[in-house]
Amino acid sequence: MSRISLFSAPLVGLAVAVIATVGTAMAFSGRAAEPTRIEASDDGKTVSVPGETAPKVRTKLPLPTVRRTAADKPLIQPKVSAPVVDAPAISAPEQVRSAFEVFAGYTYLPVGVLRAIQTAADPGKAQRDQHPQMQGTAIEVGYRWGLSPQSWLVVRAGIVAPNVPDQNWWATSGKPAPLYTEINLVGIELMADYLRRLAITDFLGVYARGGIGLQILGGSATQTETLPNCPAAKAASCATWQHVGKTEVSLPPVLPALRASVGVDLKVNSELRLALEGGLRAAPYLGGGVVYAF
């Protein structure tokens, strides 16, 4: 019994020591961790942990790389263009333009006018009624002052050259004897017209003009009496008597001239137009010409 107690005492003490050591370790392991200490600046803007390095100010963190997939791509809607509406065309206002004109035409003088100027009259005898038609050509130039885009004042100068064959001029009663008449006249016209134009299309227009002026006569008209015993068909061509008793016909040096005509014109370009007109120009008249605007 004494031997067992000698050995058991040391064993018991060792066991107690081991148990105490293990218990102490377990006690320390079960104790809660101390809290982390955080320090803040006086203005409250900076926070730090003692013993740790503070991050650099304004340090930007790298952005993560994001890969798009087909599902992430936005749908692109087709653009729908608005309907194009043409703006209404605004035509430029017409300008007042002046122009030059050159005309040529044909004219004839009625019998009544011939009687009025007594071209076929022999002083003291009855007036002759049967004679060839007095006709001729006319050439004129004019300048148009623009009053409005569609109206002008025209100043013209022209020459009218009669073309009448030398013939016997007879009285309707057959008495007195026919007069062999020769006409070598020329008329110079000086006139002022008012012209008004109406546009039908961009290229075609109609116009009317009227004016008054003077016609100056130049040249001569002569008549020769024929012998009663000459054949009627050759009364003025009897031998030697054709130039016997030749008389100058008295003509007024200046006659009033009138103009009233209508016409159409065709636009060639912005400056040039072609025109055709007819009417009264001291006598019935038909002619045409060109008009150059500037």
C-alpha atoms as a PDB file:
ATOM      1  CA  MET A   1       0.000   0.000   0.000  1.00  0.00           C
ATOM      2  CA  SER A   2       2.801   2.362   0.781  1.00  0.00           C
ATOM      3  CA  ARG A   3       4.504   1.575  -2.531  1.00  0.00           C
ATOM      4  CA  ILE A   4       1.370   2.515  -4.558  1.00  0.00           C
ATOM      5  CA  SER A   5       0.896   5.777  -2.686  1.00  0.00           C
ATOM      6  CA  LEU A   6       4.498   6.786  -3.360  1.00  0.00           C
ATOM      7  CA  PHE A   7       4.068   6.411  -7.096  1.00  0.00           C
ATOM      8  CA  SER A   8       0.527   7.796  -7.188  1.00  0.00           C
ATOM      9  CA  ALA A   9       1.345  11.147  -5.649  1.00  0.00           C
ATOM     10  CA  PRO A  10       3.624  12.338  -8.415  1.00  0.00           C
ATOM     11  CA  LEU A  11       1.230  11.091 -11.100  1.00  0.00           C
ATOM     12  CA  VAL A  12      -1.620  12.933  -9.560  1.00  0.00           C
ATOM     13  CA  GLY A  13       0.376  16.153  -9.477  1.00  0.00           C
ATOM     14  CA  LEU A  14       1.319  15.816 -13.148  1.00  0.00           C
ATOM     15  CA  ALA A  15      -2.270  15.240 -14.169  1.00  0.00           C
ATOM     16  CA  VAL A  16      -3.353  18.272 -12.242  1.00  0.00           C
ATOM     17  CA  ALA A  17      -0.734  20.388 -13.960  1.00  0.00           C
ATOM     18  CA  VAL A  18      -1.746  19.200 -17.420  1.00  0.00           C
ATOM     19  CA  ILE A  19      -5.392  19.842 -16.720  1.00  0.00           C
ATOM     20  CA  ALA A  20      -4.612  23.329 -15.456  1.00  0.00           C
ATOM     21  CA  THR A  21      -2.546  24.152 -18.519  1.00  0.00           C
ATOM     22  CA  VAL A  22      -5.250  22.944 -20.914  1.00  0.00           C
ATOM     23  CA  GLY A  23      -7.930  24.797 -19.022  1.00  0.00           C
ATOM     24  CA  THR A  24      -5.916  27.982 -19.090  1.00  0.00           C
ATOM     25  CA  ALA A  25      -5.433  27.698 -22.862  1.00  0.00           C
ATOM     26  CA  MET A  26      -9.089  27.044 -23.409  1.00  0.00           C
ATOM     27  CA  ALA A  27      -9.954  30.022 -21.270  1.00  0.00           C
ATOM     28  CA  PHE A  28      -7.717  32.343 -23.270  1.00  0.00           C
ATOM     29  CA  SER A  29      -9.026  30.979 -26.575  1.00  0.00           C
ATOM     30  CA  GLY A  30     -12.638  31.640 -25.615  1.00  0.00           C
ATOM     31  CA  ARG A  31     -11.957  35.293 -24.691  1.00  0.00           C
ATOM     32  CA  ALA A  32     -13.436  37.921 -27.220  1.00  0.00           C
ATOM     33  CA  ALA A  33     -10.982  39.756 -29.580  1.00  0.00           C
ATOM     34  CA  GLU A  34     -10.168  43.304 -28.695  1.00  0.00           C
ATOM     35  CA  PRO A  35     -12.016  45.977 -30.930  1.00  0.00           C
ATOM     36  CA  THR A  36     -10.080  47.834 -33.663  1.00  0.00           C
ATOM     37  CA  ARG A  37      -9.214  51.396 -32.832  1.00  0.00           C
ATOM     38  CA  ILE A  38     -10.208  54.049 -35.462  1.00  0.00           C
ATOM     39  CA  GLU A  39      -9.026  57.653 -35.385  1.00  0.00           C
ATOM     40  CA  ALA A  40     -10.752  60.579 -37.153  1.00  0.00           C
ATOM     41  CA  SER A  41      -9.400  64.039 -37.972  1.00  0.00           C
ATOM     42  CA  ASP A  42     -10.774  67.160 -36.327  1.00  0.00           C
ATOM     43  CA  ASP A  43     -12.810  68.155 -39.392  1.00  0.00           C
ATOM     44  CA  GLY A  44     -14.206  64.645 -39.711  1.00  0.00           C
ATOM     45  CA  LYS A  45     -13.090  64.256 -43.315  1.00  0.00           C
ATOM     46  CA  THR A  46     -10.165  61.832 -42.733  1.00  0.00           C
ATOM     47  CA  VAL A  47     -10.497  58.450 -40.993  1.00  0.00           C
ATOM     48  CA  SER A  48      -7.483  56.172 -40.234  1.00  0.00           C
ATOM     49  CA  VAL A  49      -6.561  53.064 -38.288  1.00  0.00           C
ATOM     50  CA  PRO A  50      -3.414  53.393 -36.169  1.00  0.00           C
ATOM     51  CA  GLY A  51      -0.611  51.301 -37.592  1.00  0.00           C
ATOM     52  CA  GLU A  52      -2.093  51.061 -41.108  1.00  0.00           C
ATOM     53  CA  THR A  53      -1.010  53.091 -44.168  1.00  0.00           C
ATOM     54  CA  ALA A  54      -3.708  55.515 -45.362  1.00  0.00           C
ATOM     55  CA  PRO A  55      -4.695  55.254 -49.093  1.00  0.00           C
ATOM     56  CA  LYS A  56      -3.442  57.957 -51.436  1.00  0.00           C
ATOM     57  CA  VAL A  57      -5.784  60.861 -51.978  1.00  0.00           C
ATOM     58  CA  ARG A  58      -7.694  60.894 -55.267  1.00  0.00           C
ATOM     59  CA  THR A  59      -6.440  57.484 -56.269  1.00  0.00           C
ATOM     60  CA  LYS A  60      -8.719  56.105 -58.962  1.00  0.00           C
ATOM     61  CA  LEU A  61      -9.502  52.443 -58.837  1.00  0.00           C
ATOM     62  CA  PRO A  62      -9.286  50.589 -62.153  1.00  0.00           C
ATOM     63  CA  LEU A  63     -12.620  50.047 -63.823  1.00  0.00           C
ATOM     64  CA  PRO A  64     -13.600  46.496 -64.431  1.00  0.00           C
ATOM     65  CA  THR A  65     -13.676  45.360 -68.047  1.00  0.00           C
ATOM     66  CA  VAL A  66     -17.215  44.686 -69.169  1.00  0.00           C
ATOM     67  CA  ARG A  67     -17.765  42.548 -72.226  1.00  0.00           C
ATOM     68  CA  ARG A  68     -20.974  43.140 -74.099  1.00  0.00           C
ATOM     69  CA  THR A  69     -22.926  40.286 -75.480  1.00  0.00           C
ATOM     70  CA  ALA A  70     -25.360  40.310 -78.369  1.00  0.00           C
ATOM     71  CA  ALA A  71     -28.160  40.590 -75.867  1.00  0.00           C
ATOM     72  CA  ASP A  72     -26.576  43.744 -74.380  1.00  0.00           C
ATOM     73  CA  LYS A  73     -26.387  45.616 -77.716  1.00  0.00           C
ATOM     74  CA  PRO A  74     -29.137  48.246 -78.062  1.00  0.00           C
ATOM     75  CA  LEU A  75     -31.562  47.807 -80.874  1.00  0.00           C
ATOM     76  CA  ILE A  76     -31.039  50.361 -83.663  1.00  0.00           C
ATOM     77  CA  GLN A  77     -34.326  51.526 -85.035  1.00  0.00           C
ATOM     78  CA  PRO A  78     -34.326  52.486 -88.749  1.00  0.00           C
ATOM     79  CA  LYS A  79     -34.505  56.224 -89.308  1.00  0.00           C
ATOM     80  CA  VAL A  80     -37.806  57.382 -90.723  1.00  0.00           C
ATOM     81  CA  SER A  81     -37.247  60.396 -92.947  1.00  0.00           C
ATOM     82  CA  ALA A  82     -39.887  63.067 -92.899  1.00  0.00           C
ATOM     83  CA  PRO A  83     -41.776  63.533 -96.162  1.00  0.00           C
ATOM     84  CA  VAL A  84     -40.190  66.179 -98.354  1.00  0.00           C
ATOM     85  CA  VAL A  85     -42.614  68.951 -99.129  1.00  0.00           C
ATOM     86  CA  ASP A  86     -41.618  71.200-101.993  1.00  0.00           C
ATOM     87  CA  ALA A  87     -41.727  74.829-101.041  1.00  0.00           C
ATOM     88  CA  PRO A  88     -43.975  76.869-103.286  1.00  0.00           C
ATOM     89  CA  ALA A  89     -42.000  78.516-106.027  1.00  0.00           C
ATOM     90  CA  ILE A  90     -41.773  82.249-105.560  1.00  0.00           C
ATOM     91  CA  SER A  91     -41.428  83.968-108.884  1.00  0.00           C
ATOM     92  CA  ALA A  92     -39.212  86.987-109.033  1.00  0.00           C
ATOM     93  CA  PRO A  93     -41.073  90.229-109.571  1.00  0.00           C
ATOM     94  CA  GLU A  94     -41.104  91.394-113.167  1.00  0.00           C
ATOM     95  CA  GLN A  95     -38.764  94.206-113.988  1.00  0.00           C
ATOM     96  CA  VAL A  96     -39.546  97.383-115.888  1.00  0.00           C
ATOM     97  CA  ARG A  97     -37.393  97.036-119.000  1.00  0.00           C
ATOM     98  CA  SER A  98     -36.831  99.303-121.962  1.00  0.00           C
ATOM     99  CA  ALA A  99     -36.243  97.948-125.460  1.00  0.00           C
ATOM    100  CA  PHE A 100     -35.351  98.642-129.069  1.00  0.00           C
ATOM    101  CA  GLU A 101     -37.609  97.483-131.882  1.00  0.00           C
ATOM    102  CA  VAL A 102     -37.145  97.076-135.638  1.00  0.00           C
ATOM    103  CA  PHE A 103     -40.180  96.391-137.852  1.00  0.00           C
ATOM    104  CA  ALA A 104     -40.856  95.980-141.565  1.00  0.00           C
ATOM    105  CA  GLY A 105     -44.163  95.483-143.323  1.00  0.00           C
ATOM    106  CA  TYR A 106     -46.538  96.092-146.185  1.00  0.00           C
ATOM    107  CA  THR A 107     -49.036  98.910-146.480  1.00  0.00           C
ATOM    108  CA  TYR A 108     -51.566 100.109-149.046  1.00  0.00           C
ATOM    109  CA  LEU A 109     -53.437 103.358-149.385  1.00  0.00           C
ATOM    110  CA  PRO A 110     -57.210 103.204-149.918  1.00  0.00           C
ATOM    111  CA  VAL A 111     -58.911 105.116-152.749  1.00  0.00           C
ATOM    112  CA  GLY A 112     -60.553 107.512-150.312  1.00  0.00           C
ATOM    113  CA  VAL A 113     -57.162 108.719-149.066  1.00  0.00           C
ATOM    114  CA  LEU A 114     -55.956 109.228-152.636  1.00  0.00           C
ATOM    115  CA  ARG A 115     -58.974 111.391-153.295  1.00  0.00           C
ATOM    116  CA  ALA A 116     -58.359 113.388-150.150  1.00  0.00           C
ATOM    117  CA  ILE A 117     -54.859 114.357-151.211  1.00  0.00           C
ATOM    118  CA  GLN A 118     -55.959 114.764-154.871  1.00  0.00           C
ATOM    119  CA  THR A 119     -53.138 112.694-156.306  1.00  0.00           C
ATOM    120  CA  ALA A 120     -55.329 111.846-159.329  1.00  0.00           C
ATOM    121  CA  ALA A 121     -56.995 115.253-159.678  1.00  0.00           C
ATOM    122  CA  ASP A 122     -56.511 117.684-162.501  1.00  0.00           C
ATOM    123  CA  PRO A 123     -57.231 121.274-161.455  1.00  0.00           C
ATOM    124  CA  GLY A 124     -60.580 122.410-162.768  1.00  0.00           C
ATOM    125  CA  LYS A 125     -61.724 118.971-163.875  1.00  0.00           C
ATOM    126  CA  ALA A 126     -63.522 116.067-162.279  1.00  0.00           C
ATOM    127  CA  GLN A 127     -61.597 113.827-159.967  1.00  0.00           C
ATOM    128  CA  ARG A 128     -60.371 110.521-161.376  1.00  0.00           C
ATOM    129  CA  ASP A 129     -61.819 107.396-159.752  1.00  0.00           C
ATOM    130  CA  GLN A 130     -60.137 104.530-161.598  1.00  0.00           C
ATOM    131  CA  HIS A 131     -56.493 104.056-160.755  1.00  0.00           C
ATOM    132  CA  PRO A 132     -54.159 101.327-159.544  1.00  0.00           C
ATOM    133  CA  GLN A 133     -54.010 100.538-155.863  1.00  0.00           C
ATOM    134  CA  MET A 134     -51.368 102.564-154.072  1.00  0.00           C
ATOM    135  CA  GLN A 135     -49.206 100.229-152.040  1.00  0.00           C
ATOM    136  CA  GLY A 136     -45.722 100.119-150.609  1.00  0.00           C
ATOM    137  CA  THR A 137     -43.317  98.891-147.993  1.00  0.00           C
ATOM    138  CA  ALA A 138     -42.545 100.318-144.566  1.00  0.00           C
ATOM    139  CA  ILE A 139     -39.432 100.069-142.417  1.00  0.00           C
ATOM    140  CA  GLU A 140     -39.178 101.569-138.939  1.00  0.00           C
ATOM    141  CA  VAL A 141     -37.123 101.627-135.771  1.00  0.00           C
ATOM    142  CA  GLY A 142     -38.332 102.554-132.320  1.00  0.00           C
ATOM    143  CA  TYR A 143     -37.331 102.894-128.704  1.00  0.00           C
ATOM    144  CA  ARG A 144     -39.570 101.648-125.899  1.00  0.00           C
ATOM    145  CA  TRP A 145     -39.512 103.367-122.516  1.00  0.00           C
ATOM    146  CA  GLY A 146     -40.743 100.996-119.849  1.00  0.00           C
ATOM    147  CA  LEU A 147     -43.653 102.426-117.862  1.00  0.00           C
ATOM    148  CA  SER A 148     -44.478  99.148-116.125  1.00  0.00           C
ATOM    149  CA  PRO A 149     -43.576  95.474-116.700  1.00  0.00           C
ATOM    150  CA  GLN A 150     -46.404  95.314-119.277  1.00  0.00           C
ATOM    151  CA  SER A 151     -46.610  98.808-120.806  1.00  0.00           C
ATOM    152  CA  TRP A 152     -44.319 101.098-122.793  1.00  0.00           C
ATOM    153  CA  LEU A 153     -44.187 104.499-124.452  1.00  0.00           C
ATOM    154  CA  VAL A 154     -42.733 104.037-127.941  1.00  0.00           C
ATOM    155  CA  VAL A 155     -41.057 106.693-130.067  1.00  0.00           C
ATOM    156  CA  ARG A 156     -40.729 105.600-133.716  1.00  0.00           C
ATOM    157  CA  ALA A 157     -39.296 106.805-136.983  1.00  0.00           C
ATOM    158  CA  GLY A 158     -40.120 105.043-140.237  1.00  0.00           C
ATOM    159  CA  ILE A 159     -40.040 105.260-143.995  1.00  0.00           C
ATOM    160  CA  VAL A 160     -42.981 104.355-146.227  1.00  0.00           C
ATOM    161  CA  ALA A 161     -42.100 103.918-149.914  1.00  0.00           C
ATOM    162  CA  PRO A 162     -45.114 103.661-152.279  1.00  0.00           C
ATOM    163  CA  ASN A 163     -44.951 101.221-155.165  1.00  0.00           C
ATOM    164  CA  VAL A 164     -47.469 102.338-157.821  1.00  0.00           C
ATOM    165  CA  PRO A 165     -47.028 101.611-161.508  1.00  0.00           C
ATOM    166  CA  ASP A 166     -47.269 104.473-164.023  1.00  0.00           C
ATOM    167  CA  GLN A 167     -50.754 104.178-165.590  1.00  0.00           C
ATOM    168  CA  ASN A 168     -53.749 106.025-166.931  1.00  0.00           C
ATOM    169  CA  TRP A 169     -56.127 107.214-164.270  1.00  0.00           C
ATOM    170  CA  TRP A 170     -59.720 107.378-165.478  1.00  0.00           C
ATOM    171  CA  ALA A 171     -62.837 109.199-164.452  1.00  0.00           C
ATOM    172  CA  THR A 172     -65.870 106.985-163.891  1.00  0.00           C
ATOM    173  CA  SER A 173     -67.863 108.842-166.539  1.00  0.00           C
ATOM    174  CA  GLY A 174     -65.112 108.478-169.139  1.00  0.00           C
ATOM    175  CA  LYS A 175     -64.768 112.261-169.341  1.00  0.00           C
ATOM    176  CA  PRO A 176     -62.514 114.126-169.291  1.00  0.00           C
ATOM    177  CA  ALA A 177     -59.740 112.149-170.937  1.00  0.00           C
ATOM    178  CA  PRO A 178     -57.624 109.882-168.749  1.00  0.00           C
ATOM    179  CA  LEU A 179     -54.527 111.269-167.077  1.00  0.00           C
ATOM    180  CA  TYR A 180     -51.249 109.439-167.312  1.00  0.00           C
ATOM    181  CA  THR A 181     -50.031 109.491-163.697  1.00  0.00           C
ATOM    182  CA  GLU A 182     -46.545 108.913-162.344  1.00  0.00           C
ATOM    183  CA  ILE A 183     -45.914 108.727-158.592  1.00  0.00           C
ATOM    184  CA  ASN A 184     -42.455 108.981-157.040  1.00  0.00           C
ATOM    185  CA  LEU A 185     -43.140 109.642-153.389  1.00  0.00           C
ATOM    186  CA  VAL A 186     -41.699 108.660-150.040  1.00  0.00           C
ATOM    187  CA  GLY A 187     -43.245 109.203-146.632  1.00  0.00           C
ATOM    188  CA  ILE A 188     -41.301 109.726-143.398  1.00  0.00           C
ATOM    189  CA  GLU A 189     -43.232 108.931-140.237  1.00  0.00           C
ATOM    190  CA  LEU A 190     -42.507 110.381-136.803  1.00  0.00           C
ATOM    191  CA  MET A 191     -44.844 108.953-134.166  1.00  0.00           C
ATOM    192  CA  ALA A 192     -45.371 108.267-130.490  1.00  0.00           C
ATOM    193  CA  ASP A 193     -47.268 105.137-129.420  1.00  0.00           C
ATOM    194  CA  TYR A 194     -48.591 103.660-126.238  1.00  0.00           C
ATOM    195  CA  LEU A 195     -48.156  99.873-126.137  1.00  0.00           C
ATOM    196  CA  ARG A 196     -49.748  97.436-123.698  1.00  0.00           C
ATOM    197  CA  ARG A 197     -48.868  93.743-123.555  1.00  0.00           C
ATOM    198  CA  LEU A 198     -50.687  90.794-121.967  1.00  0.00           C
ATOM    199  CA  ALA A 199     -48.754  87.579-121.263  1.00  0.00           C
ATOM    200  CA  ILE A 200     -50.561  84.392-122.324  1.00  0.00           C
ATOM    201  CA  THR A 201     -47.765  81.971-121.373  1.00  0.00           C
ATOM    202  CA  ASP A 202     -44.116  82.356-120.394  1.00  0.00           C
ATOM    203  CA  PHE A 203     -43.250  82.485-124.094  1.00  0.00           C
ATOM    204  CA  LEU A 204     -46.321  83.961-125.823  1.00  0.00           C
ATOM    205  CA  GLY A 205     -48.026  87.318-125.435  1.00  0.00           C
ATOM    206  CA  VAL A 206     -50.484  89.612-127.212  1.00  0.00           C
ATOM    207  CA  TYR A 207     -50.308  93.371-127.372  1.00  0.00           C
ATOM    208  CA  ALA A 208     -52.094  96.428-128.689  1.00  0.00           C
ATOM    209  CA  ARG A 209     -50.643  99.786-129.595  1.00  0.00           C
ATOM    210  CA  GLY A 210     -52.011 103.144-130.631  1.00  0.00           C
ATOM    211  CA  GLY A 211     -50.341 106.411-131.484  1.00  0.00           C
ATOM    212  CA  ILE A 212     -50.352 109.655-133.384  1.00  0.00           C
ATOM    213  CA  GLY A 213     -47.745 111.585-135.284  1.00  0.00           C
ATOM    214  CA  LEU A 214     -46.802 113.163-138.561  1.00  0.00           C
ATOM    215  CA  GLN A 215     -46.005 111.890-142.051  1.00  0.00           C
ATOM    216  CA  ILE A 216     -43.721 114.056-144.130  1.00  0.00           C
ATOM    217  CA  LEU A 217     -44.090 113.561-147.879  1.00  0.00           C
ATOM    218  CA  GLY A 218     -41.143 113.809-150.215  1.00  0.00           C
ATOM    219  CA  GLY A 219     -40.826 113.311-153.990  1.00  0.00           C
ATOM    220  CA  SER A 220     -43.356 114.164-156.682  1.00  0.00           C
ATOM    221  CA  ALA A 221     -46.479 113.070-158.508  1.00  0.00           C
ATOM    222  CA  THR A 222     -47.143 114.168-162.105  1.00  0.00           C
ATOM    223  CA  GLN A 223     -50.011 113.804-164.543  1.00  0.00           C
ATOM    224  CA  THR A 224     -50.048 114.146-168.343  1.00  0.00           C
ATOM    225  CA  GLU A 225     -53.136 114.906-170.379  1.00  0.00           C
ATOM    226  CA  THR A 226     -53.798 112.601-173.285  1.00  0.00           C
ATOM    227  CA  LEU A 227     -55.203 113.562-176.681  1.00  0.00           C
ATOM    228  CA  PRO A 228     -58.872 112.788-177.221  1.00  0.00           C
ATOM    229  CA  ASN A 229     -58.180 111.112-180.574  1.00  0.00           C
ATOM    230  CA  CYS A 230     -55.770 108.570-179.125  1.00  0.00           C
ATOM    231  CA  PRO A 231     -57.070 105.030-178.652  1.00  0.00           C
ATOM    232  CA  ALA A 232     -58.557 104.632-175.212  1.00  0.00           C
ATOM    233  CA  ALA A 233     -56.314 101.731-174.358  1.00  0.00           C
ATOM    234  CA  LYS A 234     -53.206 103.751-175.231  1.00  0.00           C
ATOM    235  CA  ALA A 235     -54.390 107.248-174.466  1.00  0.00           C
ATOM    236  CA  ALA A 236     -51.284 108.124-172.488  1.00  0.00           C
ATOM    237  CA  SER A 237     -48.787 106.516-174.797  1.00  0.00           C
ATOM    238  CA  CYS A 238     -49.527 108.339-178.039  1.00  0.00           C
ATOM    239  CA  ALA A 239     -46.377 109.402-179.812  1.00  0.00           C
ATOM    240  CA  THR A 240     -44.723 112.478-178.269  1.00  0.00           C
ATOM    241  CA  TRP A 241     -47.827 113.374-176.286  1.00  0.00           C
ATOM    242  CA  GLN A 242     -46.885 111.316-173.264  1.00  0.00           C
ATOM    243  CA  HIS A 243     -44.710 114.148-171.924  1.00  0.00           C
ATOM    244  CA  VAL A 244     -46.686 117.082-173.298  1.00  0.00           C
ATOM    245  CA  GLY A 245     -48.740 119.056-170.804  1.00  0.00           C
ATOM    246  CA  LYS A 246     -47.240 117.276-167.790  1.00  0.00           C
ATOM    247  CA  THR A 247     -48.580 118.829-164.584  1.00  0.00           C
ATOM    248  CA  GLU A 248     -47.228 118.571-161.043  1.00  0.00           C
ATOM    249  CA  VAL A 249     -49.827 117.327-158.623  1.00  0.00           C
ATOM    250  CA  SER A 250     -50.141 119.583-155.600  1.00  0.00           C
ATOM    251  CA  LEU A 251     -49.561 117.523-152.435  1.00  0.00           C
ATOM    252  CA  PRO A 252     -49.524 118.693-148.820  1.00  0.00           C
ATOM    253  CA  PRO A 253     -45.985 118.415-147.413  1.00  0.00           C
ATOM    254  CA  VAL A 254     -47.135 117.050-144.063  1.00  0.00           C
ATOM    255  CA  LEU A 255     -50.037 114.751-143.250  1.00  0.00           C
ATOM    256  CA  PRO A 256     -51.308 113.496-139.899  1.00  0.00           C
ATOM    257  CA  ALA A 257     -50.364 109.896-139.199  1.00  0.00           C
ATOM    258  CA  LEU A 258     -52.328 107.475-137.055  1.00  0.00           C
ATOM    259  CA  ARG A 259     -51.444 104.074-135.677  1.00  0.00           C
ATOM    260  CA  ALA A 260     -53.747 101.430-134.250  1.00  0.00           C
ATOM    261  CA  SER A 261     -52.653  97.798-134.380  1.00  0.00           C
ATOM    262  CA  VAL A 262     -52.650  94.533-132.484  1.00  0.00           C
ATOM    263  CA  GLY A 263     -50.073  91.787-132.509  1.00  0.00           C
ATOM    264  CA  VAL A 264     -48.541  88.711-130.948  1.00  0.00           C
ATOM    265  CA  ASP A 265     -44.963  88.168-129.826  1.00  0.00           C
ATOM    266  CA  LEU A 266     -42.921  85.059-129.140  1.00  0.00           C
ATOM    267  CA  LYS A 267     -40.116  84.953-126.576  1.00  0.00           C
ATOM    268  CA  VAL A 268     -36.799  83.645-127.953  1.00  0.00           C
ATOM    269  CA  ASN A 269     -34.818  84.369-124.766  1.00  0.00           C
ATOM    270  CA  SER A 270     -34.917  86.862-121.907  1.00  0.00           C
ATOM    271  CA  GLU A 271     -33.869  89.719-124.219  1.00  0.00           C
ATOM    272  CA  LEU A 272     -35.201  88.867-127.689  1.00  0.00           C
ATOM    273  CA  ARG A 273     -38.779  88.573-128.944  1.00  0.00           C
ATOM    274  CA  LEU A 274     -40.274  88.072-132.400  1.00  0.00           C
ATOM    275  CA  ALA A 275     -43.483  89.960-133.195  1.00  0.00           C
ATOM    276  CA  LEU A 276     -46.218  89.966-135.835  1.00  0.00           C
ATOM    277  CA  GLU A 277     -48.858  92.706-136.004  1.00  0.00           C
ATOM    278  CA  GLY A 278     -51.504  94.237-138.213  1.00  0.00           C
ATOM    279  CA  GLY A 279     -53.841  97.191-138.197  1.00  0.00           C
ATOM    280  CA  LEU A 280     -53.980 100.774-139.366  1.00  0.00           C
ATOM    281  CA  ARG A 281     -50.885 102.831-139.987  1.00  0.00           C
ATOM    282  CA  ALA A 282     -52.194 105.774-141.998  1.00  0.00           C
ATOM    283  CA  ALA A 283     -53.254 102.888-144.247  1.00  0.00           C
ATOM    284  CA  PRO A 284     -53.967  99.189-143.667  1.00  0.00           C
ATOM    285  CA  TYR A 285     -50.752  97.551-142.551  1.00  0.00           C
ATOM    286  CA  LEU A 286     -49.319  94.086-141.891  1.00  0.00           C
ATOM    287  CA  GLY A 287     -45.797  93.576-140.651  1.00  0.00           C
ATOM    288  CA  GLY A 288     -43.429  91.977-138.199  1.00  0.00           C
ATOM    289  CA  GLY A 289     -40.158  92.566-136.463  1.00  0.00           C
ATOM    290  CA  VAL A 290     -37.880  91.950-133.501  1.00  0.00           C
ATOM    291  CA  VAL A 291     -37.799  93.516-130.044  1.00  0.00           C
ATOM    292  CA  TYR A 292     -34.591  93.550-127.977  1.00  0.00           C
ATOM    293  CA  ALA A 293     -35.047  94.334-124.292  1.00  0.00           C
ATOM    294  CA  PHE A 294     -32.275  95.458-121.926  1.00  0.00           C
END
